[in-house]
Amino acid sequence: MLRAIGGTLRSVAGQIHSSRSALYRLASGKVLFPDTDAVLKLHRLAQRRTGVEVVPESDLRALLQRVLDEGEHAAAADNSIAEADRPALEEATGMGGGAQEGGTGAPAVAPVPPAEGDRRNERATGLQWPVDELVLHLDSGRYEHVVGMLDYAGDEAPALESAAAIQTCRSRGLAEVVDVLLRKVGGRPDRFVLDVVGHLMDAGGHADARELISRSAQAA
């Protein structure tokens, strides 16, 4: 659909009232839960540009629903934060408020090989965050792409993806990147922050979870 539309990601994003970073992450194929509204807007824009359906809308909707169903099922299977434990965690962190959409359950283990001294279990997880892509952009001086990835992970991604980004970058020793992500995530709504804290704690990232709580309190 993007090829049919043509132009830069920024120009396309403006036409569907999205952001370049969100469209970049969508186009990469690595978003856990694609934005259905954005995908359908892309479909309509591509159809107007070409005069034909690049992809049949019925097929596209069926695919989006399948991705959503599979993502929710996987997240529910890995969710080790019991609802009964949430009040105690909220009381300990001083957070509360309405539920934030996008909290999808904690990963069973870290998304990448854990740091030295980790004591998590060995169950496999399909969760990944493209840290190699980020490092490549950093090494190549493509800072616009770096900013786009961090903007998405910190400001727009679901809680599960934000936590994965923090954990993955921490495991690679990218302390400055982690600091940026913690600052961005810490400025989001309390319920979202609480979800990310839960994911980090379940994955063994207790220090980052505590720092995120501190950043959130400062932002408030």
N, C-alpha and C. Protein backbone atom coordinates (compact mmCIF):
# COMPACT_ATOMS: atom_id res chain seq x y z
N MET A 1 0.82 -1.20 0.00
CA MET A 1 0.00 0.00 0.00
C MET A 1 0.86 1.26 0.00
N LEU A 2 1.96 1.23 0.76
CA LEU A 2 2.85 2.38 0.76
C LEU A 2 3.50 2.59 -0.60
N ARG A 3 3.88 1.50 -1.23
CA ARG A 3 4.47 1.62 -2.57
C ARG A 3 3.46 2.21 -3.55
N ALA A 4 2.21 1.82 -3.41
CA ALA A 4 1.18 2.33 -4.31
C ALA A 4 0.93 3.82 -4.07
N ILE A 5 1.02 4.25 -2.82
CA ILE A 5 0.79 5.66 -2.49
C ILE A 5 1.95 6.52 -2.95
N GLY A 6 3.18 6.04 -2.70
CA GLY A 6 4.37 6.79 -3.07
C GLY A 6 4.64 7.93 -2.09
N GLY A 7 5.77 8.59 -2.25
CA GLY A 7 6.14 9.69 -1.36
C GLY A 7 6.86 9.20 -0.12
N THR A 8 7.20 10.14 0.75
CA THR A 8 7.92 9.81 1.97
C THR A 8 6.96 9.37 3.06
N LEU A 9 7.50 8.71 4.09
CA LEU A 9 6.67 8.32 5.22
C LEU A 9 6.04 9.54 5.88
N ARG A 10 6.79 10.63 5.95
CA ARG A 10 6.26 11.83 6.59
C ARG A 10 5.06 12.39 5.82
N SER A 11 5.16 12.40 4.48
CA SER A 11 4.06 12.94 3.68
C SER A 11 2.83 12.04 3.77
N VAL A 12 3.06 10.73 3.76
CA VAL A 12 1.93 9.79 3.88
C VAL A 12 1.29 9.91 5.25
N ALA A 13 2.13 10.00 6.29
CA ALA A 13 1.60 10.11 7.65
C ALA A 13 0.70 11.34 7.79
N GLY A 14 1.11 12.44 7.16
CA GLY A 14 0.30 13.65 7.22
C GLY A 14 -1.06 13.47 6.56
N GLN A 15 -1.11 12.67 5.51
CA GLN A 15 -2.37 12.47 4.78
C GLN A 15 -3.35 11.59 5.53
N ILE A 16 -2.85 10.75 6.45
CA ILE A 16 -3.77 9.89 7.23
C ILE A 16 -3.84 10.34 8.68
N HIS A 17 -3.32 11.54 8.95
CA HIS A 17 -3.36 12.12 10.30
C HIS A 17 -2.69 11.21 11.33
N SER A 18 -1.53 10.72 10.96
CA SER A 18 -0.72 9.90 11.86
C SER A 18 0.62 10.59 12.04
N SER A 19 1.60 9.89 12.60
CA SER A 19 2.94 10.44 12.75
C SER A 19 3.93 9.60 11.95
N ARG A 20 5.03 10.23 11.56
CA ARG A 20 6.04 9.50 10.79
C ARG A 20 6.58 8.32 11.56
N SER A 21 6.83 8.51 12.88
CA SER A 21 7.38 7.43 13.68
C SER A 21 6.41 6.26 13.79
N ALA A 22 5.11 6.55 13.97
CA ALA A 22 4.12 5.48 14.06
C ALA A 22 4.03 4.72 12.75
N LEU A 23 4.07 5.45 11.63
CA LEU A 23 4.00 4.79 10.32
C LEU A 23 5.26 3.99 10.05
N TYR A 24 6.40 4.50 10.50
CA TYR A 24 7.67 3.78 10.34
C TYR A 24 7.61 2.43 11.05
N ARG A 25 7.11 2.44 12.30
CA ARG A 25 7.03 1.19 13.05
C ARG A 25 6.00 0.24 12.43
N LEU A 26 4.92 0.78 11.92
CA LEU A 26 3.91 -0.05 11.27
C LEU A 26 4.49 -0.69 10.01
N ALA A 27 5.22 0.09 9.23
CA ALA A 27 5.80 -0.41 7.98
C ALA A 27 6.89 -1.45 8.23
N SER A 28 7.53 -1.39 9.40
CA SER A 28 8.60 -2.33 9.70
C SER A 28 8.08 -3.74 9.96
N GLY A 29 6.79 -3.85 10.27
CA GLY A 29 6.22 -5.17 10.54
C GLY A 29 6.51 -5.69 11.92
N LYS A 30 7.05 -4.86 12.81
CA LYS A 30 7.46 -5.33 14.13
C LYS A 30 6.56 -4.82 15.26
N VAL A 31 5.44 -4.20 14.90
CA VAL A 31 4.50 -3.73 15.91
C VAL A 31 3.65 -4.92 16.36
N LEU A 32 3.54 -5.10 17.69
CA LEU A 32 2.77 -6.23 18.20
C LEU A 32 1.30 -6.11 17.85
N PHE A 33 0.75 -4.91 18.02
CA PHE A 33 -0.67 -4.71 17.79
C PHE A 33 -0.85 -3.55 16.80
N PRO A 34 -0.93 -3.86 15.50
CA PRO A 34 -1.05 -2.81 14.49
C PRO A 34 -2.28 -1.94 14.72
N ASP A 35 -2.17 -0.68 14.40
CA ASP A 35 -3.26 0.27 14.50
C ASP A 35 -4.21 0.03 13.33
N THR A 36 -5.36 -0.61 13.62
CA THR A 36 -6.30 -0.96 12.56
C THR A 36 -6.78 0.26 11.79
N ASP A 37 -7.06 1.34 12.50
CA ASP A 37 -7.55 2.55 11.86
C ASP A 37 -6.52 3.10 10.87
N ALA A 38 -5.24 3.11 11.28
CA ALA A 38 -4.19 3.61 10.39
C ALA A 38 -4.04 2.72 9.15
N VAL A 39 -4.13 1.41 9.34
CA VAL A 39 -4.00 0.49 8.20
C VAL A 39 -5.15 0.70 7.21
N LEU A 40 -6.36 0.84 7.72
CA LEU A 40 -7.50 1.04 6.83
C LEU A 40 -7.43 2.40 6.12
N LYS A 41 -6.91 3.42 6.80
CA LYS A 41 -6.72 4.71 6.14
C LYS A 41 -5.69 4.59 5.01
N LEU A 42 -4.63 3.83 5.26
CA LEU A 42 -3.64 3.59 4.20
C LEU A 42 -4.30 2.89 3.02
N HIS A 43 -5.15 1.92 3.33
CA HIS A 43 -5.83 1.17 2.27
C HIS A 43 -6.68 2.10 1.41
N ARG A 44 -7.45 2.97 2.06
CA ARG A 44 -8.31 3.89 1.30
C ARG A 44 -7.49 4.87 0.48
N LEU A 45 -6.37 5.35 1.05
CA LEU A 45 -5.51 6.29 0.32
C LEU A 45 -4.89 5.61 -0.89
N ALA A 46 -4.42 4.37 -0.73
CA ALA A 46 -3.84 3.63 -1.85
C ALA A 46 -4.87 3.39 -2.94
N GLN A 47 -6.10 3.11 -2.54
CA GLN A 47 -7.16 2.87 -3.51
C GLN A 47 -7.47 4.14 -4.30
N ARG A 48 -7.49 5.29 -3.62
CA ARG A 48 -7.74 6.55 -4.33
C ARG A 48 -6.62 6.86 -5.31
N ARG A 49 -5.38 6.54 -4.92
CA ARG A 49 -4.24 6.87 -5.78
C ARG A 49 -4.20 5.99 -7.03
N THR A 50 -4.55 4.71 -6.86
CA THR A 50 -4.40 3.75 -7.96
C THR A 50 -5.69 3.48 -8.70
N GLY A 51 -6.82 3.74 -8.05
CA GLY A 51 -8.11 3.43 -8.67
C GLY A 51 -8.53 1.98 -8.54
N VAL A 52 -7.69 1.17 -7.89
CA VAL A 52 -8.02 -0.24 -7.67
C VAL A 52 -7.69 -0.60 -6.22
N GLU A 53 -8.21 -1.74 -5.78
CA GLU A 53 -7.88 -2.23 -4.45
C GLU A 53 -6.54 -2.94 -4.51
N VAL A 54 -5.52 -2.36 -3.90
CA VAL A 54 -4.20 -2.99 -3.87
C VAL A 54 -4.29 -4.32 -3.13
N VAL A 55 -5.07 -4.32 -2.07
CA VAL A 55 -5.38 -5.53 -1.30
C VAL A 55 -6.88 -5.51 -1.06
N PRO A 56 -7.60 -6.61 -1.30
CA PRO A 56 -9.04 -6.62 -1.01
C PRO A 56 -9.31 -6.25 0.45
N GLU A 57 -10.25 -5.32 0.68
CA GLU A 57 -10.50 -4.85 2.04
C GLU A 57 -10.96 -5.98 2.95
N SER A 58 -11.73 -6.92 2.41
CA SER A 58 -12.20 -8.04 3.24
C SER A 58 -11.02 -8.88 3.72
N ASP A 59 -10.05 -9.11 2.83
CA ASP A 59 -8.86 -9.88 3.21
C ASP A 59 -8.04 -9.12 4.25
N LEU A 60 -7.93 -7.80 4.06
CA LEU A 60 -7.16 -6.97 4.99
C LEU A 60 -7.79 -6.98 6.38
N ARG A 61 -9.11 -6.83 6.44
CA ARG A 61 -9.79 -6.84 7.74
C ARG A 61 -9.66 -8.19 8.42
N ALA A 62 -9.75 -9.27 7.64
CA ALA A 62 -9.61 -10.61 8.22
C ALA A 62 -8.21 -10.82 8.77
N LEU A 63 -7.21 -10.31 8.05
CA LEU A 63 -5.83 -10.45 8.51
C LEU A 63 -5.60 -9.65 9.79
N LEU A 64 -6.12 -8.42 9.83
CA LEU A 64 -5.97 -7.59 11.03
C LEU A 64 -6.63 -8.25 12.23
N GLN A 65 -7.81 -8.83 12.03
CA GLN A 65 -8.49 -9.49 13.13
C GLN A 65 -7.72 -10.70 13.63
N ARG A 66 -7.12 -11.44 12.68
CA ARG A 66 -6.34 -12.62 13.08
C ARG A 66 -5.11 -12.22 13.88
N VAL A 67 -4.43 -11.15 13.43
CA VAL A 67 -3.26 -10.66 14.16
C VAL A 67 -3.66 -10.22 15.56
N LEU A 68 -4.79 -9.50 15.66
CA LEU A 68 -5.26 -9.03 16.96
C LEU A 68 -5.59 -10.20 17.88
N ASP A 69 -6.31 -11.19 17.34
CA ASP A 69 -6.70 -12.34 18.15
C ASP A 69 -5.48 -13.12 18.64
N GLU A 70 -4.52 -13.35 17.74
CA GLU A 70 -3.32 -14.10 18.11
C GLU A 70 -2.48 -13.33 19.12
N GLY A 71 -2.38 -11.99 18.94
CA GLY A 71 -1.61 -11.18 19.88
C GLY A 71 -2.23 -11.19 21.26
N GLU A 72 -3.56 -11.05 21.33
CA GLU A 72 -4.23 -11.05 22.63
C GLU A 72 -4.12 -12.40 23.30
N HIS A 73 -4.20 -13.48 22.51
CA HIS A 73 -4.08 -14.82 23.09
C HIS A 73 -2.69 -15.04 23.67
N ALA A 74 -1.66 -14.63 22.93
CA ALA A 74 -0.28 -14.80 23.41
C ALA A 74 -0.02 -13.97 24.65
N ALA A 75 -0.54 -12.74 24.65
CA ALA A 75 -0.33 -11.87 25.81
C ALA A 75 -1.04 -12.43 27.04
N ALA A 76 -2.26 -12.94 26.84
CA ALA A 76 -2.99 -13.50 27.97
C ALA A 76 -2.29 -14.72 28.52
N ALA A 77 -1.71 -15.53 27.65
CA ALA A 77 -1.02 -16.74 28.10
C ALA A 77 0.21 -16.41 28.92
N ASP A 78 0.87 -15.31 28.59
CA ASP A 78 2.09 -14.93 29.29
C ASP A 78 1.86 -14.01 30.49
N ASN A 79 0.62 -13.60 30.70
CA ASN A 79 0.35 -12.62 31.75
C ASN A 79 0.47 -13.25 33.13
N SER A 80 1.52 -12.90 33.84
CA SER A 80 1.77 -13.47 35.16
C SER A 80 1.46 -12.48 36.27
N ILE A 81 0.88 -11.32 35.92
CA ILE A 81 0.51 -10.35 36.95
C ILE A 81 -0.97 -10.54 37.25
N ALA A 82 -1.30 -11.20 38.32
CA ALA A 82 -2.69 -11.47 38.66
C ALA A 82 -3.41 -10.18 39.01
N GLU A 83 -4.67 -10.10 38.62
CA GLU A 83 -5.44 -8.91 38.93
C GLU A 83 -5.54 -8.70 40.44
N ALA A 84 -5.52 -9.81 41.20
CA ALA A 84 -5.63 -9.68 42.65
C ALA A 84 -4.41 -8.99 43.24
N ASP A 85 -3.28 -9.01 42.54
CA ASP A 85 -2.06 -8.39 43.03
C ASP A 85 -1.98 -6.91 42.67
N ARG A 86 -2.82 -6.43 41.74
CA ARG A 86 -2.70 -5.06 41.28
C ARG A 86 -2.97 -4.02 42.37
N PRO A 87 -4.01 -4.21 43.23
CA PRO A 87 -4.22 -3.19 44.27
C PRO A 87 -3.01 -2.98 45.16
N ALA A 88 -2.33 -4.08 45.53
CA ALA A 88 -1.15 -3.96 46.39
C ALA A 88 -0.03 -3.23 45.66
N LEU A 89 0.13 -3.52 44.35
CA LEU A 89 1.17 -2.86 43.58
C LEU A 89 0.85 -1.38 43.41
N GLU A 90 -0.43 -1.07 43.17
CA GLU A 90 -0.83 0.32 43.04
C GLU A 90 -0.60 1.08 44.34
N GLU A 91 -0.91 0.40 45.47
CA GLU A 91 -0.70 1.06 46.76
C GLU A 91 0.78 1.31 47.00
N ALA A 92 1.61 0.34 46.62
CA ALA A 92 3.05 0.48 46.85
C ALA A 92 3.67 1.57 45.99
N THR A 93 3.10 1.75 44.77
CA THR A 93 3.67 2.74 43.86
C THR A 93 2.96 4.08 43.93
N GLY A 94 1.81 4.10 44.59
CA GLY A 94 1.05 5.35 44.68
C GLY A 94 0.33 5.68 43.41
N MET A 95 0.12 4.69 42.53
CA MET A 95 -0.54 4.92 41.26
C MET A 95 -1.94 4.35 41.30
N GLY A 96 -2.80 4.92 40.49
CA GLY A 96 -4.17 4.42 40.39
C GLY A 96 -4.81 5.01 39.18
N GLY A 97 -6.13 5.05 39.18
CA GLY A 97 -6.85 5.66 38.06
C GLY A 97 -7.41 4.62 37.13
N GLY A 98 -8.02 5.10 36.07
CA GLY A 98 -8.69 4.21 35.13
C GLY A 98 -7.71 3.38 34.34
N ALA A 99 -8.23 2.31 33.77
CA ALA A 99 -7.40 1.39 33.01
C ALA A 99 -6.93 2.06 31.74
N GLN A 100 -5.69 1.79 31.38
CA GLN A 100 -5.10 2.35 30.15
C GLN A 100 -5.08 1.26 29.11
N GLU A 101 -5.66 1.52 27.95
CA GLU A 101 -5.63 0.52 26.90
C GLU A 101 -4.20 0.31 26.45
N GLY A 102 -3.89 -0.95 26.12
CA GLY A 102 -2.56 -1.26 25.61
C GLY A 102 -1.77 -2.13 26.56
N GLY A 103 -2.16 -2.25 27.86
CA GLY A 103 -1.50 -3.17 28.76
C GLY A 103 -1.93 -4.56 28.40
N THR A 104 -0.99 -5.40 28.00
CA THR A 104 -1.38 -6.67 27.40
C THR A 104 -0.80 -7.87 28.11
N GLY A 105 -0.28 -7.70 29.33
CA GLY A 105 0.28 -8.85 30.02
C GLY A 105 1.78 -8.86 29.99
N ALA A 106 2.39 -9.43 31.00
CA ALA A 106 3.84 -9.39 31.13
C ALA A 106 4.50 -10.51 30.37
N PRO A 107 5.65 -10.27 29.77
CA PRO A 107 6.39 -11.34 29.12
C PRO A 107 6.89 -12.32 30.15
N ALA A 108 6.94 -13.61 29.79
CA ALA A 108 7.36 -14.62 30.74
C ALA A 108 8.84 -14.48 31.07
N VAL A 109 9.63 -14.05 30.09
CA VAL A 109 11.07 -13.86 30.31
C VAL A 109 11.47 -12.60 29.56
N ALA A 110 12.74 -12.23 29.69
CA ALA A 110 13.21 -11.05 28.97
C ALA A 110 13.16 -11.31 27.47
N PRO A 111 12.98 -10.27 26.64
CA PRO A 111 12.88 -10.46 25.20
C PRO A 111 14.19 -10.80 24.54
N VAL A 112 15.30 -10.65 25.23
CA VAL A 112 16.61 -10.99 24.69
C VAL A 112 17.37 -11.73 25.78
N PRO A 113 18.53 -12.34 25.49
CA PRO A 113 19.28 -13.00 26.54
C PRO A 113 19.50 -12.10 27.73
N PRO A 114 19.21 -12.56 28.95
CA PRO A 114 19.26 -11.71 30.13
C PRO A 114 20.67 -11.33 30.51
N ALA A 115 20.76 -10.23 31.28
CA ALA A 115 22.05 -9.79 31.77
C ALA A 115 22.58 -10.76 32.81
N GLU A 116 23.85 -10.65 33.11
CA GLU A 116 24.50 -11.52 34.08
C GLU A 116 23.82 -11.40 35.43
N GLY A 117 23.62 -12.56 36.07
CA GLY A 117 23.02 -12.56 37.39
C GLY A 117 21.52 -12.69 37.37
N ASP A 118 20.91 -12.80 36.18
CA ASP A 118 19.46 -12.91 36.09
C ASP A 118 19.03 -14.27 36.61
N ARG A 119 17.86 -14.30 37.26
CA ARG A 119 17.37 -15.54 37.84
C ARG A 119 16.00 -15.91 37.29
N ARG A 120 15.65 -15.40 36.10
CA ARG A 120 14.35 -15.71 35.56
C ARG A 120 14.31 -17.13 35.04
N ASN A 121 13.09 -17.63 34.79
CA ASN A 121 12.97 -18.97 34.24
C ASN A 121 13.40 -18.99 32.80
N GLU A 122 13.45 -20.18 32.22
CA GLU A 122 14.02 -20.35 30.89
C GLU A 122 12.95 -20.49 29.81
N ARG A 123 11.66 -20.27 30.13
CA ARG A 123 10.63 -20.43 29.12
C ARG A 123 10.84 -19.46 27.97
N ALA A 124 10.65 -19.96 26.75
CA ALA A 124 10.90 -19.11 25.57
C ALA A 124 9.76 -18.13 25.40
N THR A 125 10.06 -17.03 24.76
CA THR A 125 9.04 -16.05 24.42
C THR A 125 9.29 -15.54 23.02
N GLY A 126 8.20 -15.21 22.30
CA GLY A 126 8.34 -14.71 20.94
C GLY A 126 8.56 -13.21 20.90
N LEU A 127 8.55 -12.55 22.06
CA LEU A 127 8.68 -11.10 22.07
C LEU A 127 10.09 -10.67 21.69
N GLN A 128 10.16 -9.75 20.74
CA GLN A 128 11.44 -9.18 20.33
C GLN A 128 11.28 -7.68 20.19
N TRP A 129 12.37 -6.95 20.35
CA TRP A 129 12.40 -5.53 20.03
C TRP A 129 13.64 -5.30 19.19
N PRO A 130 13.54 -4.54 18.09
CA PRO A 130 14.63 -4.48 17.11
C PRO A 130 15.83 -3.65 17.56
N VAL A 131 16.51 -4.09 18.61
CA VAL A 131 17.65 -3.33 19.11
C VAL A 131 18.80 -3.34 18.10
N ASP A 132 18.95 -4.43 17.35
CA ASP A 132 20.02 -4.47 16.34
C ASP A 132 19.82 -3.38 15.29
N GLU A 133 18.56 -3.16 14.93
CA GLU A 133 18.24 -2.10 13.98
C GLU A 133 18.58 -0.73 14.57
N LEU A 134 18.28 -0.55 15.85
CA LEU A 134 18.60 0.71 16.51
C LEU A 134 20.10 0.94 16.54
N VAL A 135 20.86 -0.08 16.91
CA VAL A 135 22.32 0.03 16.97
C VAL A 135 22.90 0.34 15.59
N LEU A 136 22.35 -0.28 14.57
CA LEU A 136 22.82 -0.01 13.21
C LEU A 136 22.61 1.44 12.84
N HIS A 137 21.45 1.99 13.18
CA HIS A 137 21.18 3.40 12.89
C HIS A 137 22.12 4.31 13.69
N LEU A 138 22.38 3.95 14.94
CA LEU A 138 23.30 4.74 15.76
C LEU A 138 24.70 4.73 15.16
N ASP A 139 25.17 3.55 14.80
CA ASP A 139 26.53 3.43 14.24
C ASP A 139 26.66 4.14 12.90
N SER A 140 25.55 4.20 12.14
CA SER A 140 25.60 4.81 10.82
C SER A 140 25.26 6.29 10.84
N GLY A 141 24.95 6.82 12.02
CA GLY A 141 24.62 8.23 12.13
C GLY A 141 23.25 8.59 11.59
N ARG A 142 22.36 7.59 11.46
CA ARG A 142 21.01 7.86 10.95
C ARG A 142 20.11 8.20 12.15
N TYR A 143 20.33 9.38 12.67
CA TYR A 143 19.67 9.74 13.93
C TYR A 143 18.18 10.01 13.77
N GLU A 144 17.73 10.34 12.58
CA GLU A 144 16.29 10.51 12.37
C GLU A 144 15.57 9.19 12.62
N HIS A 145 16.17 8.09 12.17
CA HIS A 145 15.57 6.78 12.40
C HIS A 145 15.63 6.41 13.88
N VAL A 146 16.73 6.76 14.53
CA VAL A 146 16.85 6.50 15.97
C VAL A 146 15.74 7.23 16.73
N VAL A 147 15.57 8.50 16.41
CA VAL A 147 14.53 9.29 17.08
C VAL A 147 13.15 8.70 16.82
N GLY A 148 12.91 8.27 15.60
CA GLY A 148 11.62 7.67 15.27
C GLY A 148 11.34 6.42 16.09
N MET A 149 12.34 5.56 16.22
CA MET A 149 12.17 4.33 16.99
C MET A 149 11.93 4.63 18.47
N LEU A 150 12.69 5.58 19.02
CA LEU A 150 12.53 5.90 20.44
C LEU A 150 11.23 6.65 20.70
N ASP A 151 10.82 7.50 19.77
CA ASP A 151 9.54 8.20 19.92
C ASP A 151 8.40 7.19 19.97
N TYR A 152 8.47 6.21 19.09
CA TYR A 152 7.40 5.21 19.08
C TYR A 152 7.42 4.38 20.36
N ALA A 153 8.60 3.82 20.70
CA ALA A 153 8.70 2.94 21.87
C ALA A 153 8.34 3.66 23.16
N GLY A 154 8.71 4.93 23.25
CA GLY A 154 8.47 5.65 24.50
C GLY A 154 7.14 6.34 24.58
N ASP A 155 6.63 6.84 23.45
CA ASP A 155 5.44 7.69 23.46
C ASP A 155 4.18 7.03 22.93
N GLU A 156 4.31 5.96 22.12
CA GLU A 156 3.13 5.45 21.43
C GLU A 156 2.90 3.95 21.59
N ALA A 157 3.93 3.18 21.86
CA ALA A 157 3.81 1.73 21.85
C ALA A 157 2.94 1.21 22.99
N PRO A 158 2.36 0.01 22.85
CA PRO A 158 1.70 -0.64 23.97
C PRO A 158 2.70 -0.91 25.09
N ALA A 159 2.20 -1.13 26.30
CA ALA A 159 3.07 -1.30 27.47
C ALA A 159 4.05 -2.45 27.28
N LEU A 160 3.60 -3.53 26.69
CA LEU A 160 4.47 -4.69 26.50
C LEU A 160 5.67 -4.35 25.63
N GLU A 161 5.44 -3.58 24.57
CA GLU A 161 6.53 -3.19 23.68
C GLU A 161 7.46 -2.18 24.34
N SER A 162 6.89 -1.24 25.10
CA SER A 162 7.73 -0.26 25.79
C SER A 162 8.66 -0.95 26.77
N ALA A 163 8.12 -1.92 27.53
CA ALA A 163 8.94 -2.66 28.48
C ALA A 163 10.02 -3.46 27.76
N ALA A 164 9.66 -4.06 26.63
CA ALA A 164 10.64 -4.84 25.86
C ALA A 164 11.77 -3.95 25.36
N ALA A 165 11.43 -2.74 24.93
CA ALA A 165 12.46 -1.81 24.46
C ALA A 165 13.42 -1.45 25.58
N ILE A 166 12.89 -1.16 26.76
CA ILE A 166 13.74 -0.83 27.90
C ILE A 166 14.64 -2.00 28.26
N GLN A 167 14.05 -3.19 28.37
CA GLN A 167 14.82 -4.37 28.75
C GLN A 167 15.90 -4.70 27.72
N THR A 168 15.53 -4.64 26.44
CA THR A 168 16.47 -5.00 25.38
C THR A 168 17.65 -4.04 25.33
N CYS A 169 17.34 -2.74 25.41
CA CYS A 169 18.42 -1.75 25.36
C CYS A 169 19.30 -1.85 26.61
N ARG A 170 18.71 -2.14 27.75
CA ARG A 170 19.50 -2.32 28.98
C ARG A 170 20.45 -3.50 28.83
N SER A 171 19.98 -4.58 28.25
CA SER A 171 20.81 -5.77 28.10
C SER A 171 21.98 -5.53 27.15
N ARG A 172 21.85 -4.55 26.25
CA ARG A 172 22.93 -4.23 25.31
C ARG A 172 23.82 -3.10 25.82
N GLY A 173 23.56 -2.64 27.04
CA GLY A 173 24.41 -1.61 27.62
C GLY A 173 24.17 -0.22 27.08
N LEU A 174 23.00 0.01 26.51
CA LEU A 174 22.67 1.32 25.94
C LEU A 174 22.04 2.20 27.01
N ALA A 175 22.84 2.61 27.99
CA ALA A 175 22.32 3.32 29.16
C ALA A 175 21.64 4.63 28.78
N GLU A 176 22.22 5.39 27.84
CA GLU A 176 21.63 6.67 27.47
C GLU A 176 20.29 6.48 26.77
N VAL A 177 20.19 5.44 25.96
CA VAL A 177 18.93 5.14 25.29
C VAL A 177 17.87 4.76 26.32
N VAL A 178 18.26 3.93 27.29
CA VAL A 178 17.32 3.54 28.35
C VAL A 178 16.84 4.77 29.11
N ASP A 179 17.73 5.71 29.37
CA ASP A 179 17.36 6.93 30.08
C ASP A 179 16.30 7.71 29.30
N VAL A 180 16.46 7.78 27.99
CA VAL A 180 15.47 8.47 27.15
C VAL A 180 14.12 7.74 27.22
N LEU A 181 14.16 6.42 27.12
CA LEU A 181 12.92 5.65 27.16
C LEU A 181 12.21 5.78 28.50
N LEU A 182 12.96 5.74 29.59
CA LEU A 182 12.35 5.89 30.91
C LEU A 182 11.70 7.26 31.07
N ARG A 183 12.36 8.27 30.54
CA ARG A 183 11.79 9.63 30.62
C ARG A 183 10.50 9.72 29.82
N LYS A 184 10.50 9.16 28.62
CA LYS A 184 9.31 9.22 27.78
C LYS A 184 8.16 8.42 28.38
N VAL A 185 8.44 7.18 28.77
CA VAL A 185 7.39 6.33 29.34
C VAL A 185 6.87 6.92 30.65
N GLY A 186 7.79 7.50 31.45
CA GLY A 186 7.39 8.06 32.73
C GLY A 186 6.44 9.24 32.62
N GLY A 187 6.37 9.84 31.45
CA GLY A 187 5.46 10.96 31.24
C GLY A 187 4.08 10.54 30.75
N ARG A 188 3.86 9.24 30.55
CA ARG A 188 2.57 8.76 30.07
C ARG A 188 1.61 8.53 31.24
N PRO A 189 0.34 8.25 30.98
CA PRO A 189 -0.65 8.11 32.07
C PRO A 189 -0.25 7.06 33.11
N ASP A 190 -0.69 7.29 34.35
CA ASP A 190 -0.29 6.44 35.48
C ASP A 190 -0.58 4.97 35.23
N ARG A 191 -1.75 4.67 34.69
CA ARG A 191 -2.11 3.26 34.51
C ARG A 191 -1.19 2.58 33.50
N PHE A 192 -0.82 3.32 32.46
CA PHE A 192 0.11 2.77 31.48
C PHE A 192 1.46 2.51 32.13
N VAL A 193 1.95 3.48 32.91
CA VAL A 193 3.23 3.31 33.60
C VAL A 193 3.18 2.09 34.52
N LEU A 194 2.07 1.91 35.20
CA LEU A 194 1.92 0.76 36.09
C LEU A 194 2.03 -0.55 35.33
N ASP A 195 1.44 -0.60 34.13
CA ASP A 195 1.55 -1.80 33.30
C ASP A 195 3.00 -2.07 32.91
N VAL A 196 3.71 -1.03 32.49
CA VAL A 196 5.12 -1.20 32.11
C VAL A 196 5.94 -1.64 33.32
N VAL A 197 5.68 -1.05 34.48
CA VAL A 197 6.38 -1.46 35.71
C VAL A 197 6.16 -2.94 35.96
N GLY A 198 4.93 -3.40 35.79
CA GLY A 198 4.65 -4.82 35.99
C GLY A 198 5.42 -5.71 35.04
N HIS A 199 5.48 -5.32 33.77
CA HIS A 199 6.23 -6.10 32.79
C HIS A 199 7.73 -6.14 33.15
N LEU A 200 8.27 -5.00 33.55
CA LEU A 200 9.69 -4.94 33.89
C LEU A 200 10.00 -5.80 35.11
N MET A 201 9.14 -5.74 36.12
CA MET A 201 9.37 -6.52 37.33
C MET A 201 9.28 -8.01 37.02
N ASP A 202 8.33 -8.40 36.19
CA ASP A 202 8.18 -9.81 35.85
C ASP A 202 9.39 -10.31 35.07
N ALA A 203 10.01 -9.42 34.29
CA ALA A 203 11.18 -9.80 33.50
C ALA A 203 12.49 -9.62 34.27
N GLY A 204 12.41 -9.23 35.55
CA GLY A 204 13.62 -9.10 36.35
C GLY A 204 14.26 -7.73 36.31
N GLY A 205 13.61 -6.77 35.66
CA GLY A 205 14.19 -5.42 35.56
C GLY A 205 13.75 -4.54 36.71
N HIS A 206 14.06 -4.95 37.93
CA HIS A 206 13.57 -4.23 39.11
C HIS A 206 14.15 -2.82 39.22
N ALA A 207 15.42 -2.66 38.88
CA ALA A 207 16.03 -1.33 38.98
C ALA A 207 15.37 -0.36 38.02
N ASP A 208 15.10 -0.80 36.79
CA ASP A 208 14.43 0.06 35.83
C ASP A 208 12.99 0.32 36.24
N ALA A 209 12.33 -0.67 36.84
CA ALA A 209 10.96 -0.48 37.32
C ALA A 209 10.92 0.60 38.40
N ARG A 210 11.88 0.55 39.34
CA ARG A 210 11.93 1.57 40.39
C ARG A 210 12.23 2.95 39.81
N GLU A 211 13.14 3.00 38.85
CA GLU A 211 13.48 4.28 38.24
C GLU A 211 12.28 4.84 37.46
N LEU A 212 11.53 3.96 36.81
CA LEU A 212 10.36 4.40 36.06
C LEU A 212 9.31 4.98 37.01
N ILE A 213 9.12 4.37 38.17
CA ILE A 213 8.19 4.89 39.16
C ILE A 213 8.62 6.30 39.59
N SER A 214 9.93 6.45 39.80
CA SER A 214 10.46 7.75 40.19
C SER A 214 10.24 8.80 39.11
N ARG A 215 10.48 8.41 37.84
CA ARG A 215 10.29 9.35 36.73
C ARG A 215 8.83 9.75 36.61
N SER A 216 7.93 8.79 36.81
CA SER A 216 6.51 9.07 36.72
C SER A 216 6.07 10.04 37.82
N ALA A 217 6.61 9.85 39.02
CA ALA A 217 6.26 10.74 40.13
C ALA A 217 6.77 12.16 39.85
N GLN A 218 7.96 12.26 39.28
CA GLN A 218 8.51 13.58 38.95
C GLN A 218 7.68 14.27 37.87
N ALA A 219 7.22 13.48 36.88
CA ALA A 219 6.43 14.05 35.80
C ALA A 219 5.08 14.55 36.32
N ALA A 220 4.53 13.83 37.32
CA ALA A 220 3.25 14.24 37.90
C ALA A 220 3.39 15.54 38.68
